[in-house]
Amino acid sequence: MIRCEGLTKYYGNHQAIADVTLNVAEGEIVGFLGPNAAGKTTTMRILTSFIPPSGGRAEVAGHDVVTDSLNSRRAIGYLPETSSLYRDMRITEFLRFCAGLRGMGRAETKERMDYVLDTCGLQNREESIIGTLSLGYRQRVGLAQALLHDPPVLILDEPTVGLDPNQIIEVRNLIKSLADRHTVMLSTHILPEAQMTCQRVIIINHGRIIAEDTPEALSSQIREAETLLITLASPGENVERQLLDLPEVVSVRPTSGGSYHLDTAVGTDIRAQIAEFVVKHGWGLLELRPVEMTLEDVFRQLTTEEEGVE
C-alpha cells in the first residue's frame, strides 16, 4: 500500500534522507521512528506529495507520488505534527469545508461527519470554535479531518501529542481499530505507544533506514543476554559475588531495595537454580521474573550505535 524505493532528498548540499526503501502492506500499522532530524518528516512529506524527492520513487495505493500525485493524495488521510486548523471556525464548519475541498457530496459528507465526530470523541463539542479547544481536542479535530474521506492510507505524525493519558489510550485503541479499513503509518516519539500500537516498526537515523521488524524480533536480534530481576528480603553480605558463582550468570547489577538485575547467557532459563540458591542461603526470595527488552531499549541501542559509526 505504501512503497518507497531508493528515496533521496537534498536541501541544498544537505542530504536529509538517503536510499530510503520501505514497504507497508495493506491493513498494517507501522511505526516510523527516529531521533529528531533523522528524516521522518521529510519522508512523510514526500509520501504526501508536499515535496518531491531528489531521487528514487514512492507509491501510495499504487499511485506514484510525483507523476500521479492527485490520486495518491486522494488515497491519503494526513495528520501533520502541527495540524493546520482554522481556529475561527466551528468544528462542523471546518469538517464541511474539508469535505468540500475533497469533492464530497452532501449525503456522503453528512454520513462521514457523523462517523468521525463519534469516532474521535467530538460529538459533544461539534459546535465549539476550534480556537477555544484544548490542544488535545484540536488534535482530535485534526484526526477527524484525516479520516473524513475514508482514505485507504493514514499517515499520522505524532497523533497523541498533547493528549492526556486517558485520551492516549482512546487514540491508541482507535488506531488499532482502523487497521480493518486503513493502512496506518505513524510517527511518534512515545516509544511505548509504538510498542503497544504497531505491528511493525521502521527505525531511521541520519536519513537511512537502520532497522525494520516487529518490536519483539528487533529485541531478540540485538539482545546480548537474558536479564532477570530478583528481589531479596534479607540479602546477606557479598550477595553479588555469590550470585556470580552460578554457572550461567554473566553479571549482577544492584538496583534498589534489595533488588538485582542478573544477566544470563542468551537462550538459558535458570530461574529454578536461582530460586534454589537463594532459599539455600536464607535470603528470602520476594520476586524473580524476566526483564523484557523494550522498544525504547532497542531504539536507544540502535541509534547510539549508529552515532558512533563514521
Protein backbone atom coordinates (compact mmCIF):
# COMPACT_ATOMS: atom_id res chain seq x y z
CA MET A 1 0.00 0.00 0.00
CA ILE A 2 2.99 2.28 0.68
CA ARG A 3 6.16 1.65 -1.27
CA CYS A 4 9.44 3.57 -1.39
CA GLU A 5 12.47 2.65 -3.45
CA GLY A 6 15.77 4.46 -3.02
CA LEU A 7 14.25 7.75 -1.87
CA THR A 8 16.79 10.55 -1.55
CA LYS A 9 16.23 14.19 -0.68
CA TYR A 10 18.67 17.09 -0.67
CA TYR A 11 18.09 20.54 0.80
CA GLY A 12 20.86 22.43 -0.93
CA ASN A 13 24.00 20.47 -0.11
CA HIS A 14 22.43 18.77 2.89
CA GLN A 15 21.23 15.21 2.35
CA ALA A 16 18.13 14.75 4.52
CA ILE A 17 17.43 11.13 3.52
CA ALA A 18 19.46 8.63 1.52
CA ASP A 19 18.30 5.47 -0.26
CA VAL A 20 15.16 5.03 1.86
CA THR A 21 13.43 1.81 0.82
CA LEU A 22 10.40 0.52 2.68
CA ASN A 23 7.06 -1.23 2.20
CA VAL A 24 3.87 -1.08 4.24
CA ALA A 25 1.28 -3.76 3.44
CA GLU A 26 -2.47 -3.28 3.30
CA GLY A 27 -4.06 -3.28 6.76
CA GLU A 28 -0.72 -2.93 8.53
CA ILE A 29 0.01 -0.49 11.37
CA VAL A 30 3.66 0.55 11.13
CA GLY A 31 5.57 2.87 13.42
CA PHE A 32 8.13 5.15 11.77
CA LEU A 33 10.67 6.03 14.43
CA GLY A 34 13.83 8.04 14.65
CA PRO A 35 15.60 10.82 16.60
CA ASN A 36 14.98 14.46 15.77
CA ALA A 37 16.27 15.39 12.29
CA ALA A 38 16.56 11.71 11.36
CA GLY A 39 14.46 12.11 8.18
CA LYS A 40 10.99 11.06 9.35
CA THR A 41 9.17 14.26 8.44
CA THR A 42 11.00 14.58 5.11
CA THR A 43 9.93 11.04 4.16
CA MET A 44 6.33 11.71 5.18
CA ARG A 45 6.25 14.97 3.23
CA ILE A 46 7.42 13.12 0.12
CA LEU A 47 4.78 10.41 0.61
CA THR A 48 2.06 13.07 0.93
CA SER A 49 3.36 14.98 -2.13
CA PHE A 50 4.22 18.09 -0.11
CA ILE A 51 7.75 17.99 -1.54
CA PRO A 52 9.31 15.98 -4.39
CA PRO A 53 12.22 13.59 -3.85
CA SER A 54 15.63 14.36 -5.28
CA GLY A 55 15.92 10.72 -6.32
CA GLY A 56 14.13 7.39 -6.09
CA ARG A 57 10.38 6.91 -6.21
CA ALA A 58 7.40 6.32 -3.95
CA GLU A 59 3.87 4.98 -4.42
CA VAL A 60 0.76 5.21 -2.28
CA ALA A 61 -2.10 2.84 -3.08
CA GLY A 62 -0.46 2.16 -6.45
CA HIS A 63 -0.14 5.84 -7.43
CA ASP A 64 3.24 7.50 -7.95
CA VAL A 65 3.52 10.46 -5.58
CA VAL A 66 5.16 12.62 -8.28
CA THR A 67 3.62 11.63 -11.62
CA ASP A 68 0.19 10.77 -10.21
CA SER A 69 0.16 12.97 -7.13
CA LEU A 70 -3.53 13.91 -7.31
CA ASN A 71 -4.67 10.31 -6.99
CA SER A 72 -2.02 9.45 -4.41
CA ARG A 73 -3.17 12.39 -2.26
CA ARG A 74 -6.78 11.31 -2.61
CA ALA A 75 -5.78 7.97 -1.10
CA ILE A 76 -4.20 9.56 1.98
CA GLY A 77 -5.54 10.92 5.23
CA TYR A 78 -2.75 13.03 6.71
CA LEU A 79 -2.34 14.33 10.23
CA PRO A 80 0.78 16.54 10.43
CA GLU A 81 2.54 17.07 13.74
CA THR A 82 1.05 20.56 13.92
CA SER A 83 -2.45 20.39 12.49
CA SER A 84 -3.39 23.19 10.10
CA LEU A 85 -6.76 24.17 11.56
CA TYR A 86 -8.82 27.33 11.01
CA ARG A 87 -9.14 28.47 14.60
CA ASP A 88 -12.07 30.82 13.97
CA MET A 89 -14.25 28.02 12.52
CA ARG A 90 -16.54 25.72 14.43
CA ILE A 91 -15.66 22.03 14.21
CA THR A 92 -18.61 21.22 11.95
CA GLU A 93 -17.81 24.18 9.68
CA PHE A 94 -14.22 23.06 9.36
CA LEU A 95 -15.14 19.48 8.52
CA ARG A 96 -17.70 20.61 5.91
CA PHE A 97 -15.01 22.87 4.43
CA CYS A 98 -12.58 19.93 4.23
CA ALA A 99 -15.29 17.75 2.66
CA GLY A 100 -15.91 20.41 0.01
CA LEU A 101 -12.21 20.58 -0.83
CA ARG A 102 -12.26 16.83 -1.34
CA GLY A 103 -15.29 16.97 -3.61
CA MET A 104 -17.55 15.00 -1.27
CA GLY A 105 -21.32 15.16 -1.86
CA ARG A 106 -23.83 16.34 0.75
CA ALA A 107 -25.06 12.87 1.75
CA GLU A 108 -21.55 11.45 1.99
CA THR A 109 -20.41 14.46 4.00
CA LYS A 110 -23.25 14.04 6.50
CA GLU A 111 -22.57 10.31 6.91
CA ARG A 112 -18.84 10.67 7.28
CA MET A 113 -19.10 13.68 9.63
CA ASP A 114 -21.34 11.70 11.97
CA TYR A 115 -18.81 8.86 11.89
CA VAL A 116 -15.67 10.92 12.55
CA LEU A 117 -17.30 13.07 15.24
CA ASP A 118 -18.31 9.92 17.09
CA THR A 119 -15.07 8.06 16.42
CA CYS A 120 -12.85 10.94 17.55
CA GLY A 121 -14.94 11.79 20.63
CA LEU A 122 -16.14 15.16 19.34
CA GLN A 123 -19.90 14.59 19.25
CA ASN A 124 -20.50 16.83 22.29
CA ARG A 125 -18.16 19.59 21.09
CA GLU A 126 -19.11 19.75 17.42
CA GLU A 127 -20.27 23.38 17.56
CA SER A 128 -17.25 24.58 19.51
CA ILE A 129 -14.94 27.14 17.93
CA ILE A 130 -11.64 25.42 17.22
CA GLY A 131 -9.58 28.24 18.75
CA THR A 132 -11.24 27.68 22.14
CA LEU A 133 -10.34 23.98 22.27
CA SER A 134 -7.51 22.45 24.26
CA LEU A 135 -4.50 21.08 22.38
CA GLY A 136 -5.84 17.57 22.88
CA TYR A 137 -9.20 18.38 21.32
CA ARG A 138 -7.57 20.22 18.44
CA GLN A 139 -5.56 17.05 17.80
CA ARG A 140 -8.84 15.13 17.67
CA VAL A 141 -10.17 17.58 15.07
CA GLY A 142 -7.02 17.03 13.00
CA LEU A 143 -7.55 13.27 13.18
CA ALA A 144 -11.21 13.71 12.23
CA GLN A 145 -10.30 15.59 9.04
CA ALA A 146 -7.75 12.87 8.16
CA LEU A 147 -10.47 10.22 8.44
CA LEU A 148 -13.25 12.25 6.83
CA HIS A 149 -12.97 10.96 3.26
CA ASP A 150 -12.39 7.34 4.36
CA PRO A 151 -8.91 7.05 2.80
CA PRO A 152 -7.21 3.66 2.39
CA VAL A 153 -3.96 5.07 3.85
CA LEU A 154 -3.46 7.12 7.01
CA ILE A 155 -0.18 8.93 7.66
CA LEU A 156 -0.11 10.25 11.20
CA ASP A 157 2.73 12.40 12.53
CA GLU A 158 2.73 12.35 16.35
CA PRO A 159 -1.02 11.56 16.68
CA THR A 160 -1.02 11.55 20.50
CA VAL A 161 0.89 14.80 21.07
CA GLY A 162 -0.81 16.94 23.72
CA LEU A 163 -3.23 14.24 24.84
CA ASP A 164 -3.73 13.21 28.46
CA PRO A 165 -3.24 9.53 29.45
CA ASN A 166 -6.92 8.65 29.05
CA GLN A 167 -7.07 10.29 25.62
CA ILE A 168 -3.85 8.50 24.57
CA ILE A 169 -5.46 5.14 25.40
CA GLU A 170 -8.56 6.13 23.39
CA VAL A 171 -6.47 7.17 20.35
CA ARG A 172 -4.36 4.01 20.64
CA ASN A 173 -7.48 1.84 20.59
CA LEU A 174 -8.88 3.89 17.72
CA ILE A 175 -5.73 3.42 15.62
CA LYS A 176 -5.78 -0.32 16.27
CA SER A 177 -9.40 -0.50 15.16
CA LEU A 178 -8.62 1.36 11.92
CA ALA A 179 -6.48 -1.49 10.60
CA ASP A 180 -9.64 -3.23 9.35
CA ARG A 181 -10.19 -0.46 6.80
CA HIS A 182 -6.96 1.51 6.61
CA THR A 183 -3.22 1.09 6.30
CA VAL A 184 -1.59 3.21 9.01
CA MET A 185 1.90 4.67 9.11
CA LEU A 186 2.56 6.71 12.23
CA SER A 187 5.49 8.63 13.62
CA THR A 188 5.87 9.05 17.36
CA HIS A 189 8.43 9.93 20.00
CA ILE A 190 6.46 7.99 22.62
CA LEU A 191 8.10 4.62 22.11
CA PRO A 192 5.85 2.64 24.49
CA GLU A 193 2.93 3.84 22.36
CA ALA A 194 4.56 2.44 19.24
CA GLN A 195 5.21 -0.86 21.01
CA MET A 196 1.58 -1.15 22.12
CA THR A 197 0.04 0.07 18.85
CA CYS A 198 2.20 -1.01 15.92
CA GLN A 199 2.61 -4.45 14.37
CA ARG A 200 5.99 -3.47 12.95
CA VAL A 201 8.45 -0.60 13.33
CA ILE A 202 10.87 1.05 10.92
CA ILE A 203 13.75 2.99 12.50
CA ILE A 204 15.51 5.75 10.59
CA ASN A 205 18.66 7.56 11.69
CA HIS A 206 20.82 10.09 9.84
CA GLY A 207 18.48 9.74 6.85
CA ARG A 208 18.91 5.98 6.45
CA ILE A 209 16.77 3.01 7.47
CA ILE A 210 18.75 1.12 10.13
CA ALA A 211 16.20 -1.46 11.34
CA GLU A 212 12.83 -2.87 10.33
CA ASP A 213 10.88 -5.64 12.05
CA THR A 214 8.44 -6.34 14.86
CA PRO A 215 9.49 -4.89 18.24
CA GLU A 216 9.89 -8.43 19.58
CA ALA A 217 12.11 -9.54 16.68
CA LEU A 218 14.31 -6.45 16.94
CA SER A 219 14.72 -7.09 20.64
CA SER A 220 15.82 -10.69 20.10
CA GLN A 221 18.23 -9.66 17.32
CA ILE A 222 20.22 -7.21 19.44
CA ARG A 223 19.83 -8.76 22.88
CA GLU A 224 23.22 -9.91 24.17
CA ALA A 225 21.93 -11.51 27.40
CA GLU A 226 18.78 -12.60 29.18
CA THR A 227 18.03 -10.38 32.17
CA LEU A 228 16.28 -11.47 35.36
CA LEU A 229 15.08 -9.29 38.22
CA ILE A 230 15.33 -10.77 41.73
CA THR A 231 14.25 -9.10 44.96
CA LEU A 232 15.53 -10.46 48.28
CA ALA A 233 14.02 -9.93 51.73
CA SER A 234 17.32 -10.23 53.62
CA PRO A 235 20.30 -10.07 51.29
CA GLY A 236 23.44 -11.15 53.05
CA GLU A 237 26.96 -9.90 52.59
CA ASN A 238 28.67 -10.43 49.24
CA VAL A 239 25.35 -11.31 47.53
CA GLU A 240 26.59 -10.07 44.16
CA ARG A 241 29.78 -12.12 44.31
CA GLN A 242 27.92 -15.26 45.41
CA LEU A 243 25.30 -14.93 42.66
CA LEU A 244 28.14 -14.70 40.14
CA ASP A 245 29.20 -18.17 41.24
CA LEU A 246 26.15 -19.57 39.41
CA PRO A 247 27.42 -21.07 36.13
CA GLU A 248 25.17 -19.16 33.69
CA VAL A 249 25.23 -15.75 35.43
CA VAL A 250 27.28 -13.25 33.43
CA SER A 251 26.83 -10.14 35.59
CA VAL A 252 24.93 -8.90 38.65
CA ARG A 253 23.77 -5.28 38.98
CA PRO A 254 22.09 -3.95 42.14
CA THR A 255 19.07 -1.72 41.54
CA SER A 256 17.28 -0.68 44.76
CA GLY A 257 15.53 -2.11 47.81
CA GLY A 258 17.26 -5.46 47.77
CA SER A 259 16.70 -5.95 44.04
CA TYR A 260 19.28 -7.07 41.47
CA HIS A 261 19.46 -7.50 37.70
CA LEU A 262 21.11 -10.77 36.70
CA ASP A 263 22.36 -11.10 33.13
CA THR A 264 22.50 -14.69 31.93
CA ALA A 265 23.52 -16.32 28.68
CA VAL A 266 21.04 -15.90 25.82
CA GLY A 267 18.70 -18.85 25.49
CA THR A 268 19.09 -20.04 29.08
CA ASP A 269 16.46 -20.20 31.82
CA ILE A 270 17.99 -20.74 35.26
CA ARG A 271 15.18 -19.37 37.40
CA ALA A 272 14.79 -22.71 39.23
CA GLN A 273 18.50 -22.81 40.07
CA ILE A 274 18.45 -19.19 41.26
CA ALA A 275 15.40 -19.80 43.46
CA GLU A 276 17.05 -22.86 45.00
CA PHE A 277 20.30 -20.92 45.52
CA VAL A 278 18.52 -18.00 47.26
CA VAL A 279 16.47 -20.30 49.52
CA LYS A 280 19.61 -22.24 50.44
CA HIS A 281 21.30 -19.04 51.60
CA GLY A 282 18.22 -17.89 53.53
CA TRP A 283 17.93 -14.55 51.74
CA GLY A 284 14.15 -14.72 51.30
CA LEU A 285 13.01 -14.64 47.68
CA LEU A 286 10.33 -11.96 47.15
CA GLU A 287 10.44 -11.67 43.34
CA LEU A 288 12.00 -13.46 40.39
CA ARG A 289 10.99 -12.56 36.83
CA PRO A 290 12.42 -11.92 33.36
CA VAL A 291 13.07 -8.32 32.32
CA GLU A 292 11.90 -7.77 28.74
CA MET A 293 13.85 -5.52 26.43
CA THR A 294 11.54 -2.63 25.49
CA LEU A 295 11.31 -0.83 22.17
CA GLU A 296 12.89 2.13 23.94
CA ASP A 297 15.91 -0.03 24.81
CA VAL A 298 16.13 -1.24 21.20
CA PHE A 299 15.80 2.30 19.83
CA ARG A 300 18.44 3.71 22.18
CA GLN A 301 20.93 0.95 21.40
CA LEU A 302 20.47 1.10 17.62
CA THR A 303 20.62 4.89 17.31
CA THR A 304 23.55 5.16 19.74
CA GLU A 305 25.50 2.56 17.76
CA GLU A 306 24.78 4.46 14.55
CA GLU A 307 26.04 7.73 16.03
CA GLY A 308 29.36 6.04 16.69
CA VAL A 309 29.78 4.97 13.06
CA GLU A 310 31.95 7.26 10.89
